[in-house]
PDB file of all heavy atoms in Angstrom:
ATOM      1  N   ARG A   1       0.838  -1.207   0.000  1.00  0.00           N
ATOM      2  CA  ARG A   1       0.000   0.000   0.000  1.00  0.00           C
ATOM      3  C   ARG A   1       0.869   1.253   0.000  1.00  0.00           C
ATOM      4  O   ARG A   1       0.637   2.188  -0.763  1.00  0.00           O
ATOM      5  CB  ARG A   1      -0.929   0.027   1.207  1.00  0.00           C
ATOM      6  CG  ARG A   1      -1.834   1.247   1.195  1.00  0.00           C
ATOM      7  CD  ARG A   1      -2.876   1.168   2.303  1.00  0.00           C
ATOM      8  NE  ARG A   1      -3.802   2.269   2.205  1.00  0.00           N
ATOM      9  CZ  ARG A   1      -3.633   3.452   2.787  1.00  0.00           C
ATOM     10  NH1 ARG A   1      -2.559   3.670   3.523  1.00  0.00           N
ATOM     11  NH2 ARG A   1      -4.513   4.409   2.645  1.00  0.00           N
ATOM     12  N   LEU A   2       1.884   1.272   0.845  1.00  0.00           N
ATOM     13  CA  LEU A   2       2.775   2.432   0.891  1.00  0.00           C
ATOM     14  C   LEU A   2       3.520   2.617  -0.428  1.00  0.00           C
ATOM     15  O   LEU A   2       3.675   3.742  -0.908  1.00  0.00           O
ATOM     16  CB  LEU A   2       3.760   2.296   2.052  1.00  0.00           C
ATOM     17  CG  LEU A   2       3.153   2.417   3.443  1.00  0.00           C
ATOM     18  CD1 LEU A   2       4.185   2.068   4.513  1.00  0.00           C
ATOM     19  CD2 LEU A   2       2.591   3.800   3.669  1.00  0.00           C
ATOM     20  N   GLN A   3       3.984   1.516  -1.037  1.00  0.00           N
ATOM     21  CA  GLN A   3       4.663   1.608  -2.325  1.00  0.00           C
ATOM     22  C   GLN A   3       3.722   2.155  -3.392  1.00  0.00           C
ATOM     23  O   GLN A   3       4.113   2.993  -4.202  1.00  0.00           O
ATOM     24  CB  GLN A   3       5.180   0.237  -2.757  1.00  0.00           C
ATOM     25  CG  GLN A   3       6.364  -0.231  -1.961  1.00  0.00           C
ATOM     26  CD  GLN A   3       6.759  -1.654  -2.327  1.00  0.00           C
ATOM     27  OE1 GLN A   3       5.934  -2.445  -2.760  1.00  0.00           O
ATOM     28  NE2 GLN A   3       8.024  -1.964  -2.144  1.00  0.00           N
ATOM     29  N   TYR A   4       2.481   1.681  -3.413  1.00  0.00           N
ATOM     30  CA  TYR A   4       1.502   2.132  -4.392  1.00  0.00           C
ATOM     31  C   TYR A   4       1.250   3.636  -4.233  1.00  0.00           C
ATOM     32  O   TYR A   4       1.225   4.380  -5.208  1.00  0.00           O
ATOM     33  CB  TYR A   4       0.194   1.365  -4.227  1.00  0.00           C
ATOM     34  CG  TYR A   4      -0.808   1.601  -5.331  1.00  0.00           C
ATOM     35  CD1 TYR A   4      -0.900   0.718  -6.398  1.00  0.00           C
ATOM     36  CD2 TYR A   4      -1.659   2.703  -5.317  1.00  0.00           C
ATOM     37  CE1 TYR A   4      -1.811   0.927  -7.424  1.00  0.00           C
ATOM     38  CE2 TYR A   4      -2.572   2.916  -6.334  1.00  0.00           C
ATOM     39  CZ  TYR A   4      -2.649   2.024  -7.380  1.00  0.00           C
ATOM     40  OH  TYR A   4      -3.551   2.244  -8.395  1.00  0.00           O
ATOM     41  N   LEU A   5       1.079   4.068  -3.006  1.00  0.00           N
ATOM     42  CA  LEU A   5       0.848   5.491  -2.760  1.00  0.00           C
ATOM     43  C   LEU A   5       2.030   6.324  -3.240  1.00  0.00           C
ATOM     44  O   LEU A   5       1.861   7.368  -3.880  1.00  0.00           O
ATOM     45  CB  LEU A   5       0.581   5.749  -1.278  1.00  0.00           C
ATOM     46  CG  LEU A   5      -0.724   5.189  -0.728  1.00  0.00           C
ATOM     47  CD1 LEU A   5      -0.786   5.395   0.784  1.00  0.00           C
ATOM     48  CD2 LEU A   5      -1.932   5.817  -1.405  1.00  0.00           C
ATOM     49  N   ARG A   6       3.226   5.851  -2.941  1.00  0.00           N
ATOM     50  CA  ARG A   6       4.432   6.607  -3.306  1.00  0.00           C
ATOM     51  C   ARG A   6       4.645   6.627  -4.815  1.00  0.00           C
ATOM     52  O   ARG A   6       4.920   7.669  -5.398  1.00  0.00           O
ATOM     53  CB  ARG A   6       5.659   6.004  -2.616  1.00  0.00           C
ATOM     54  CG  ARG A   6       6.956   6.746  -2.924  1.00  0.00           C
ATOM     55  CD  ARG A   6       8.108   6.227  -2.091  1.00  0.00           C
ATOM     56  NE  ARG A   6       8.239   4.799  -2.102  1.00  0.00           N
ATOM     57  CZ  ARG A   6       8.962   4.107  -2.992  1.00  0.00           C
ATOM     58  NH1 ARG A   6       9.595   4.731  -3.955  1.00  0.00           N
ATOM     59  NH2 ARG A   6       9.065   2.800  -2.904  1.00  0.00           N
ATOM     60  N   LEU A   7       4.509   5.468  -5.461  1.00  0.00           N
ATOM     61  CA  LEU A   7       4.840   5.369  -6.880  1.00  0.00           C
ATOM     62  C   LEU A   7       3.709   5.765  -7.818  1.00  0.00           C
ATOM     63  O   LEU A   7       3.941   6.384  -8.851  1.00  0.00           O
ATOM     64  CB  LEU A   7       5.288   3.940  -7.209  1.00  0.00           C
ATOM     65  CG  LEU A   7       6.551   3.473  -6.512  1.00  0.00           C
ATOM     66  CD1 LEU A   7       6.783   1.994  -6.771  1.00  0.00           C
ATOM     67  CD2 LEU A   7       7.747   4.290  -6.961  1.00  0.00           C
ATOM     68  N   VAL A   8       2.485   5.383  -7.483  1.00  0.00           N
ATOM     69  CA  VAL A   8       1.357   5.609  -8.392  1.00  0.00           C
ATOM     70  C   VAL A   8       0.596   6.880  -8.026  1.00  0.00           C
ATOM     71  O   VAL A   8       0.420   7.772  -8.849  1.00  0.00           O
ATOM     72  CB  VAL A   8       0.413   4.384  -8.422  1.00  0.00           C
ATOM     73  CG1 VAL A   8      -0.790   4.636  -9.309  1.00  0.00           C
ATOM     74  CG2 VAL A   8       1.176   3.139  -8.894  1.00  0.00           C
ATOM     75  N   LYS A   9       0.122   6.969  -6.790  1.00  0.00           N
ATOM     76  CA  LYS A   9      -0.693   8.118  -6.391  1.00  0.00           C
ATOM     77  C   LYS A   9       0.116   9.419  -6.347  1.00  0.00           C
ATOM     78  O   LYS A   9      -0.354  10.459  -6.780  1.00  0.00           O
ATOM     79  CB  LYS A   9      -1.324   7.891  -5.020  1.00  0.00           C
ATOM     80  CG  LYS A   9      -2.332   6.774  -4.982  1.00  0.00           C
ATOM     81  CD  LYS A   9      -3.684   7.261  -5.388  1.00  0.00           C
ATOM     82  CE  LYS A   9      -4.679   6.130  -5.182  1.00  0.00           C
ATOM     83  NZ  LYS A   9      -6.024   6.490  -5.438  1.00  0.00           N
ATOM     84  N   HIS A  10       1.324   9.356  -5.793  1.00  0.00           N
ATOM     85  CA  HIS A  10       2.131  10.564  -5.623  1.00  0.00           C
ATOM     86  C   HIS A  10       3.336  10.592  -6.547  1.00  0.00           C
ATOM     87  O   HIS A  10       4.173  11.479  -6.444  1.00  0.00           O
ATOM     88  CB  HIS A  10       2.588  10.702  -4.167  1.00  0.00           C
ATOM     89  CG  HIS A  10       1.460  10.753  -3.204  1.00  0.00           C
ATOM     90  ND1 HIS A  10       0.623  11.840  -3.094  1.00  0.00           N
ATOM     91  CD2 HIS A  10       0.996   9.839  -2.311  1.00  0.00           C
ATOM     92  CE1 HIS A  10      -0.297  11.605  -2.179  1.00  0.00           C
ATOM     93  NE2 HIS A  10      -0.096  10.395  -1.693  1.00  0.00           N
ATOM     94  N   GLY A  11       3.440   9.621  -7.425  1.00  0.00           N
ATOM     95  CA  GLY A  11       4.557   9.552  -8.357  1.00  0.00           C
ATOM     96  C   GLY A  11       4.045   9.567  -9.783  1.00  0.00           C
ATOM     97  O   GLY A  11       2.934  10.002 -10.050  1.00  0.00           O
ATOM     98  N   GLU A  12       4.857   9.055 -10.662  1.00  0.00           N
ATOM     99  CA  GLU A  12       4.502   9.077 -12.072  1.00  0.00           C
ATOM    100  C   GLU A  12       4.428   7.678 -12.669  1.00  0.00           C
ATOM    101  O   GLU A  12       4.449   7.527 -13.885  1.00  0.00           O
ATOM    102  CB  GLU A  12       5.515   9.930 -12.831  1.00  0.00           C
ATOM    103  CG  GLU A  12       5.510  11.376 -12.376  1.00  0.00           C
ATOM    104  CD  GLU A  12       6.510  12.241 -13.119  1.00  0.00           C
ATOM    105  OE1 GLU A  12       7.139  11.759 -14.080  1.00  0.00           O
ATOM    106  OE2 GLU A  12       6.665  13.409 -12.734  1.00  0.00           O
ATOM    107  N   PHE A  13       4.322   6.651 -11.837  1.00  0.00           N
ATOM    108  CA  PHE A  13       4.258   5.289 -12.352  1.00  0.00           C
ATOM    109  C   PHE A  13       2.808   4.968 -12.708  1.00  0.00           C
ATOM    110  O   PHE A  13       1.923   5.075 -11.849  1.00  0.00           O
ATOM    111  CB  PHE A  13       4.782   4.286 -11.313  1.00  0.00           C
ATOM    112  CG  PHE A  13       5.015   2.922 -11.874  1.00  0.00           C
ATOM    113  CD1 PHE A  13       6.223   2.609 -12.460  1.00  0.00           C
ATOM    114  CD2 PHE A  13       4.027   1.952 -11.824  1.00  0.00           C
ATOM    115  CE1 PHE A  13       6.452   1.346 -12.982  1.00  0.00           C
ATOM    116  CE2 PHE A  13       4.241   0.687 -12.343  1.00  0.00           C
ATOM    117  CZ  PHE A  13       5.458   0.387 -12.929  1.00  0.00           C
ATOM    118  N   PRO A  14       2.544   4.556 -13.953  1.00  0.00           N
ATOM    119  CA  PRO A  14       1.168   4.245 -14.350  1.00  0.00           C
ATOM    120  C   PRO A  14       0.665   2.952 -13.698  1.00  0.00           C
ATOM    121  O   PRO A  14       1.322   1.915 -13.785  1.00  0.00           O
ATOM    122  CB  PRO A  14       1.242   4.080 -15.865  1.00  0.00           C
ATOM    123  CG  PRO A  14       2.630   4.434 -16.274  1.00  0.00           C
ATOM    124  CD  PRO A  14       3.482   4.466 -15.057  1.00  0.00           C
ATOM    125  N   ALA A  15      -0.489   3.028 -13.069  1.00  0.00           N
ATOM    126  CA  ALA A  15      -1.060   1.851 -12.413  1.00  0.00           C
ATOM    127  C   ALA A  15      -1.263   0.704 -13.391  1.00  0.00           C
ATOM    128  O   ALA A  15      -1.136  -0.466 -13.020  1.00  0.00           O
ATOM    129  CB  ALA A  15      -2.375   2.212 -11.743  1.00  0.00           C
ATOM    130  N   ALA A  16      -1.553   1.014 -14.628  1.00  0.00           N
ATOM    131  CA  ALA A  16      -1.795  -0.020 -15.642  1.00  0.00           C
ATOM    132  C   ALA A  16      -0.560  -0.873 -15.916  1.00  0.00           C
ATOM    133  O   ALA A  16      -0.676  -1.986 -16.417  1.00  0.00           O
ATOM    134  CB  ALA A  16      -2.274   0.626 -16.931  1.00  0.00           C
ATOM    135  N   GLU A  17       0.607  -0.369 -15.569  1.00  0.00           N
ATOM    136  CA  GLU A  17       1.838  -1.121 -15.797  1.00  0.00           C
ATOM    137  C   GLU A  17       2.198  -2.051 -14.635  1.00  0.00           C
ATOM    138  O   GLU A  17       3.148  -2.815 -14.733  1.00  0.00           O
ATOM    139  CB  GLU A  17       2.991  -0.175 -16.107  1.00  0.00           C
ATOM    140  CG  GLU A  17       2.824   0.504 -17.456  1.00  0.00           C
ATOM    141  CD  GLU A  17       4.030   1.324 -17.863  1.00  0.00           C
ATOM    142  OE1 GLU A  17       5.142   1.062 -17.359  1.00  0.00           O
ATOM    143  OE2 GLU A  17       3.854   2.234 -18.675  1.00  0.00           O
ATOM    144  N   LEU A  18       1.453  -1.974 -13.544  1.00  0.00           N
ATOM    145  CA  LEU A  18       1.692  -2.903 -12.442  1.00  0.00           C
ATOM    146  C   LEU A  18       1.315  -4.312 -12.884  1.00  0.00           C
ATOM    147  O   LEU A  18       0.255  -4.519 -13.476  1.00  0.00           O
ATOM    148  CB  LEU A  18       0.849  -2.522 -11.218  1.00  0.00           C
ATOM    149  CG  LEU A  18       1.221  -1.250 -10.493  1.00  0.00           C
ATOM    150  CD1 LEU A  18       0.176  -0.948  -9.430  1.00  0.00           C
ATOM    151  CD2 LEU A  18       2.594  -1.364  -9.873  1.00  0.00           C
ATOM    152  N   ILE A  19       2.159  -5.242 -12.599  1.00  0.00           N
ATOM    153  CA  ILE A  19       1.879  -6.636 -12.944  1.00  0.00           C
ATOM    154  C   ILE A  19       1.165  -7.269 -11.756  1.00  0.00           C
ATOM    155  O   ILE A  19       1.726  -7.374 -10.664  1.00  0.00           O
ATOM    156  CB  ILE A  19       3.169  -7.395 -13.283  1.00  0.00           C
ATOM    157  CG1 ILE A  19       3.830  -6.742 -14.496  1.00  0.00           C
ATOM    158  CG2 ILE A  19       2.884  -8.865 -13.531  1.00  0.00           C
ATOM    159  CD1 ILE A  19       5.216  -7.264 -14.785  1.00  0.00           C
ATOM    160  N   MET A  20      -0.071  -7.678 -11.975  1.00  0.00           N
ATOM    161  CA  MET A  20      -0.869  -8.283 -10.907  1.00  0.00           C
ATOM    162  C   MET A  20      -0.277  -9.630 -10.506  1.00  0.00           C
ATOM    163  O   MET A  20       0.064 -10.439 -11.378  1.00  0.00           O
ATOM    164  CB  MET A  20      -2.310  -8.503 -11.369  1.00  0.00           C
ATOM    165  CG  MET A  20      -3.112  -7.253 -11.558  1.00  0.00           C
ATOM    166  SD  MET A  20      -3.519  -6.463  -9.991  1.00  0.00           S
ATOM    167  CE  MET A  20      -2.890  -4.831 -10.298  1.00  0.00           C
ATOM    168  N   PRO A  21      -0.147  -9.874  -9.213  1.00  0.00           N
ATOM    169  CA  PRO A  21       0.333 -11.175  -8.753  1.00  0.00           C
ATOM    170  C   PRO A  21      -0.623 -12.285  -9.199  1.00  0.00           C
ATOM    171  O   PRO A  21      -1.839 -12.105  -9.191  1.00  0.00           O
ATOM    172  CB  PRO A  21       0.317 -11.049  -7.231  1.00  0.00           C
ATOM    173  CG  PRO A  21       0.312  -9.595  -6.952  1.00  0.00           C
ATOM    174  CD  PRO A  21      -0.391  -8.961  -8.107  1.00  0.00           C
ATOM    175  N   THR A  22      -0.059 -13.393  -9.587  1.00  0.00           N
ATOM    176  CA  THR A  22      -0.882 -14.524 -10.032  1.00  0.00           C
ATOM    177  C   THR A  22      -0.813 -15.692  -9.062  1.00  0.00           C
ATOM    178  O   THR A  22      -1.557 -16.650  -9.205  1.00  0.00           O
ATOM    179  CB  THR A  22      -0.451 -15.004 -11.419  1.00  0.00           C
ATOM    180  OG1 THR A  22       0.943 -15.361 -11.368  1.00  0.00           O
ATOM    181  CG2 THR A  22      -0.654 -13.913 -12.464  1.00  0.00           C
ATOM    182  N   GLY A  23       0.060 -15.619  -8.074  1.00  0.00           N
ATOM    183  CA  GLY A  23       0.216 -16.712  -7.135  1.00  0.00           C
ATOM    184  C   GLY A  23      -0.906 -16.766  -6.116  1.00  0.00           C
ATOM    185  O   GLY A  23      -1.684 -15.822  -5.957  1.00  0.00           O
ATOM    186  N   SER A  24      -0.978 -17.876  -5.430  1.00  0.00           N
ATOM    187  CA  SER A  24      -1.988 -18.038  -4.379  1.00  0.00           C
ATOM    188  C   SER A  24      -1.339 -18.050  -2.993  1.00  0.00           C
ATOM    189  O   SER A  24      -1.952 -18.467  -2.027  1.00  0.00           O
ATOM    190  CB  SER A  24      -2.772 -19.328  -4.604  1.00  0.00           C
ATOM    191  OG  SER A  24      -1.895 -20.431  -4.598  1.00  0.00           O
ATOM    192  N   ASP A  25      -0.105 -17.566  -2.924  1.00  0.00           N
ATOM    193  CA  ASP A  25       0.620 -17.524  -1.651  1.00  0.00           C
ATOM    194  C   ASP A  25       0.237 -16.265  -0.869  1.00  0.00           C
ATOM    195  O   ASP A  25      -0.390 -15.343  -1.398  1.00  0.00           O
ATOM    196  CB  ASP A  25       2.128 -17.554  -1.915  1.00  0.00           C
ATOM    197  CG  ASP A  25       2.558 -16.381  -2.775  1.00  0.00           C
ATOM    198  OD1 ASP A  25       2.225 -16.365  -3.989  1.00  0.00           O
ATOM    199  OD2 ASP A  25       3.225 -15.473  -2.249  1.00  0.00           O
ATOM    200  N   LEU A  26       0.605 -16.229   0.385  1.00  0.00           N
ATOM    201  CA  LEU A  26       0.244 -15.109   1.256  1.00  0.00           C
ATOM    202  C   LEU A  26       0.909 -13.802   0.840  1.00  0.00           C
ATOM    203  O   LEU A  26       0.317 -12.729   0.989  1.00  0.00           O
ATOM    204  CB  LEU A  26       0.572 -15.444   2.707  1.00  0.00           C
ATOM    205  CG  LEU A  26      -0.299 -16.539   3.326  1.00  0.00           C
ATOM    206  CD1 LEU A  26       0.249 -16.947   4.692  1.00  0.00           C
ATOM    207  CD2 LEU A  26      -1.742 -16.081   3.437  1.00  0.00           C
ATOM    208  N   GLY A  27       2.102 -13.871   0.288  1.00  0.00           N
ATOM    209  CA  GLY A  27       2.768 -12.660  -0.186  1.00  0.00           C
ATOM    210  C   GLY A  27       2.015 -12.018  -1.339  1.00  0.00           C
ATOM    211  O   GLY A  27       1.831 -10.798  -1.382  1.00  0.00           O
ATOM    212  N   SER A  28       1.574 -12.844  -2.280  1.00  0.00           N
ATOM    213  CA  SER A  28       0.788 -12.336  -3.418  1.00  0.00           C
ATOM    214  C   SER A  28      -0.541 -11.763  -2.947  1.00  0.00           C
ATOM    215  O   SER A  28      -0.980 -10.708  -3.410  1.00  0.00           O
ATOM    216  CB  SER A  28       0.534 -13.451  -4.433  1.00  0.00           C
ATOM    217  OG  SER A  28       1.739 -13.880  -5.012  1.00  0.00           O
ATOM    218  N   LEU A  29      -1.180 -12.438  -2.018  1.00  0.00           N
ATOM    219  CA  LEU A  29      -2.436 -11.955  -1.471  1.00  0.00           C
ATOM    220  C   LEU A  29      -2.235 -10.599  -0.788  1.00  0.00           C
ATOM    221  O   LEU A  29      -3.024  -9.672  -0.978  1.00  0.00           O
ATOM    222  CB  LEU A  29      -3.017 -12.953  -0.471  1.00  0.00           C
ATOM    223  CG  LEU A  29      -4.318 -12.514   0.207  1.00  0.00           C
ATOM    224  CD1 LEU A  29      -5.457 -12.479  -0.813  1.00  0.00           C
ATOM    225  CD2 LEU A  29      -4.662 -13.436   1.356  1.00  0.00           C
ATOM    226  N   GLY A  30      -1.170 -10.476  -0.029  1.00  0.00           N
ATOM    227  CA  GLY A  30      -0.877  -9.226   0.648  1.00  0.00           C
ATOM    228  C   GLY A  30      -0.656  -8.081  -0.318  1.00  0.00           C
ATOM    229  O   GLY A  30      -1.133  -6.965  -0.106  1.00  0.00           O
ATOM    230  N   LYS A  31       0.059  -8.358  -1.403  1.00  0.00           N
ATOM    231  CA  LYS A  31       0.292  -7.317  -2.402  1.00  0.00           C
ATOM    232  C   LYS A  31      -1.030  -6.844  -2.993  1.00  0.00           C
ATOM    233  O   LYS A  31      -1.281  -5.648  -3.121  1.00  0.00           O
ATOM    234  CB  LYS A  31       1.217  -7.823  -3.499  1.00  0.00           C
ATOM    235  CG  LYS A  31       1.620  -6.747  -4.494  1.00  0.00           C
ATOM    236  CD  LYS A  31       2.725  -7.226  -5.387  1.00  0.00           C
ATOM    237  CE  LYS A  31       4.008  -7.231  -4.581  1.00  0.00           C
ATOM    238  NZ  LYS A  31       5.204  -7.467  -5.349  1.00  0.00           N
ATOM    239  N   LEU A  32      -1.896  -7.775  -3.344  1.00  0.00           N
ATOM    240  CA  LEU A  32      -3.211  -7.403  -3.886  1.00  0.00           C
ATOM    241  C   LEU A  32      -4.014  -6.594  -2.872  1.00  0.00           C
ATOM    242  O   LEU A  32      -4.662  -5.604  -3.228  1.00  0.00           O
ATOM    243  CB  LEU A  32      -3.990  -8.654  -4.296  1.00  0.00           C
ATOM    244  CG  LEU A  32      -3.519  -9.365  -5.557  1.00  0.00           C
ATOM    245  CD1 LEU A  32      -4.260 -10.684  -5.725  1.00  0.00           C
ATOM    246  CD2 LEU A  32      -3.706  -8.482  -6.780  1.00  0.00           C
ATOM    247  N   CYS A  33      -3.977  -7.003  -1.617  1.00  0.00           N
ATOM    248  CA  CYS A  33      -4.708  -6.278  -0.566  1.00  0.00           C
ATOM    249  C   CYS A  33      -4.189  -4.856  -0.421  1.00  0.00           C
ATOM    250  O   CYS A  33      -4.973  -3.913  -0.289  1.00  0.00           O
ATOM    251  CB  CYS A  33      -4.582  -7.006   0.766  1.00  0.00           C
ATOM    252  SG  CYS A  33      -5.480  -8.546   0.864  1.00  0.00           S
ATOM    253  N   GLY A  34      -2.872  -4.700  -0.432  1.00  0.00           N
ATOM    254  CA  GLY A  34      -2.283  -3.363  -0.303  1.00  0.00           C
ATOM    255  C   GLY A  34      -2.654  -2.461  -1.456  1.00  0.00           C
ATOM    256  O   GLY A  34      -3.015  -1.297  -1.265  1.00  0.00           O
ATOM    257  N   TRP A  35      -2.580  -3.002  -2.665  1.00  0.00           N
ATOM    258  CA  TRP A  35      -2.934  -2.205  -3.843  1.00  0.00           C
ATOM    259  C   TRP A  35      -4.422  -1.879  -3.845  1.00  0.00           C
ATOM    260  O   TRP A  35      -4.813  -0.776  -4.194  1.00  0.00           O
ATOM    261  CB  TRP A  35      -2.537  -2.922  -5.122  1.00  0.00           C
ATOM    262  CG  TRP A  35      -1.048  -3.018  -5.330  1.00  0.00           C
ATOM    263  CD1 TRP A  35      -0.071  -2.409  -4.596  1.00  0.00           C
ATOM    264  CD2 TRP A  35      -0.383  -3.771  -6.330  1.00  0.00           C
ATOM    265  NE1 TRP A  35       1.175  -2.752  -5.092  1.00  0.00           N
ATOM    266  CE2 TRP A  35       1.014  -3.582  -6.151  1.00  0.00           C
ATOM    267  CE3 TRP A  35      -0.804  -4.608  -7.352  1.00  0.00           C
ATOM    268  CZ2 TRP A  35       1.959  -4.174  -6.974  1.00  0.00           C
ATOM    269  CZ3 TRP A  35       0.146  -5.193  -8.172  1.00  0.00           C
ATOM    270  CH2 TRP A  35       1.517  -4.986  -7.989  1.00  0.00           C
TER     271      TRP A  35
END
């Protein structure tokens, strides 16, 4: 969540270029939750 805010919301990184996690592990789930 903090990375998304820094890079996408307050930066210039396009959200469309984020690669969505495809795994079913807890790390991938956490990334999706944060975003």
